[in-house]
Amino acid sequence: MRLRYSALALAACTALTGQALAGEAEAKRWIDSEFQPSTLTKEQQMAELKWFIEAADKLKAKGVKEISVVSETITTHEYESKTLARAFEEITGIRVKHDLIQEGDVVEKLQTSMQSGKSIYDGWISDSDLIGTHYRYGKVMNLTDYMAGKGREWTNPGLDLKDFIGTKFTTAPDGKLYQLPDQQFANLYWFRADLFARQDLKDKFKAKYGYELGVPLNWSAYEDIADFFTNDVKTIDGKPIYGHMDYGKKDPSLGWRFTDAWLSMAGSADIGTPNGLPIDEWGIRVADDKCTPVGASVARGGAANSPAAVYALTKYVDWMKKYAPKEAMGMTFGEAGPVPAQGQIAQQIFWYTAFTADMTKPGLPVVNADGTPKWRMAPGPNGPYWKQGMQNGYQDVGSWTFFSGHDENRTAAAWLYAQFVTAKTTSLKKTLVGLTPIRESDIQSKAMTDMAPKLGGLVEFYRSPARVAWSPTGTNVPDYPKLAQLWWKNVATAVTGEKTPQAAMDNLAAEMDQVMARLERAGMAKCAPKLNPKGDPAKYLSTKAAPWAKLDNEKPKGQTIAYDTLLAAWKAGKER
């Protein structure tokens, strides 16, 4: 029996070695054919992939052959689902079913899993906007403790968390990491640089408004430029030109238009990054503990229906009706996204860099014959309530998220896959495909320098100090799924004219307070809301902190900056 056992053991070892060798051969093929460029040498890439092979072998021995994960449908995740999942399977032998669904569906399924206590997937790429939710409910795994404990064996020694640029957005008030960034993109200002450079248009603009046509620094200038192109220029190359683009259909995506920091761009929140404190860009105030939500309405000390918030909604509706194509009113986020690439939009104040790849395709009206873009991106302009030191805009950080209490071996395998698609071996190529950078080393790489002329300012932005003022939804929001759905329904009433902007925001603020009151009664694992009593809104309105008192003049003189001057400021280490 002893001899027979030894023979079987030898056969098993031989088989295991054969698998490892096969995995290494596949790893080498992927390194040579797909995983270039990389900030690692090919030898370093192979060493990293050998670690994945060995870790996967241990999990396969525990019976893990396949895992399922999910993400929203954007270019970066399509690359992961179609290419990196296949690479992971060929290299490690673990199959990955990487589902691609709409963002709203991801949130809905995540919410269902939280309510049932049973995760539908082994791993999720969900927005870091849910960080406040995850922290309070205690259903999502704390990665800091996992990496130091049960997950230590499955954590890549070359992960290099300090190299990730978005971990501060996925860190909860307890100082621990709950999500691992997978992709990032910012909400910036987009404009047709070729049109802005035309001397005839520059002369006409300055003659009418008294200042230079350039990148708007405030909303007054944005409005002037929108009016100028729509009503003065009117046509370019025989086709209508519009000074603004947006979307207004009653649809869940209308909520993102606002919760993605539109109010903070106007200046409704408090000073402080990554989000205003104690009042954030949703208008939610937290107590002195920086964690307990106490209200969204001005009557409870919040700012969701403050003068700055009402101003933000008013401008959104007015600009769309006056300066955007009439079709914009009936469009969703997805339908409106491709419109600027068609060549009839002069500028867009609310534009996501996730569209960069789609805006650089050869043959588009907004791309030159040599492949360089006719457009550029820049920091978004600020509303009249905005003050230095405030959050400047939104940055999406899709991040790997895992449920506590899920099968530990399947979680470990999903954690391996999460690290694989964000590893230095694969991350630079993924960044070049989807243009949603997550690592400082990739951003500073020669490959990104070489790509910069074709990306319209994306590389310059991510290398600038300005990027820190763009951040996702913060920890003030206690339950993102429950509160987010209130926004689009209320904003829609202002778009249709059913309610005034003030009435729409009053109702939104009241409904947010109602939801938080229910959360207070239901209880949460940590930092449950505890609402302030309703009081006279006048006692909260202030000129020193949010909620900010109404300004006498909400349209100061327009201010612009030359794009080249802006780039020079970034290179000098300044925000502008």
Foldseek 3Di string as FASTA:
>chain_A
DVVVVVVVVVVVVVVLVVLLVQLLVLQLVCLVPPLPPFLDDSVVSSVQLSLLQVLLSVLVVVPQAEFEEEEEDFQLLVCCQPPVQVSSCSNRVHHYRYYYHHLLVLLVLVVVCLVVLHHPGLKYFHWLLCLLQCVWFVFWDFVQVCCVPVLVSLDRPQLPLVQFPFQVSQAAPVRTGFWAFQFKKFWFKKFQQLVLPDPVLQVVLCVVFVDGRFAFQAVLSLVSQQCCQVPPVQDDPPHGAFSEAAAAALDLLLLCVQQQQLLVLQQQAWFAPPAGPQEGSCQWGADPVSFATAFRDLLQQTRLLFQSNLVSLVCVQVSCVPTHPPCRNNDGPVVRQCVVQQPRYGMYQTHMLLCQVVSQDPPTPQADNVSFGSMATAHHHGFPNHDPRHQNGAMIGGTMIGTPPHDSSSSSSVVSSRSSSCPSSRQLSSCVRRVGHTGPSSLPDVVVVVCVRRRRCSSLCVLFPQVRSHYHNHNSDNGCVVLSVLRSVLSSCCNVVVDRSSVSSVVSRVVSRVVLVVQVVVGTNDNRHDYGDGHDSVVNADCNGPVHHDDPDRNDRIDHDHPVVCSVCRVVRHND
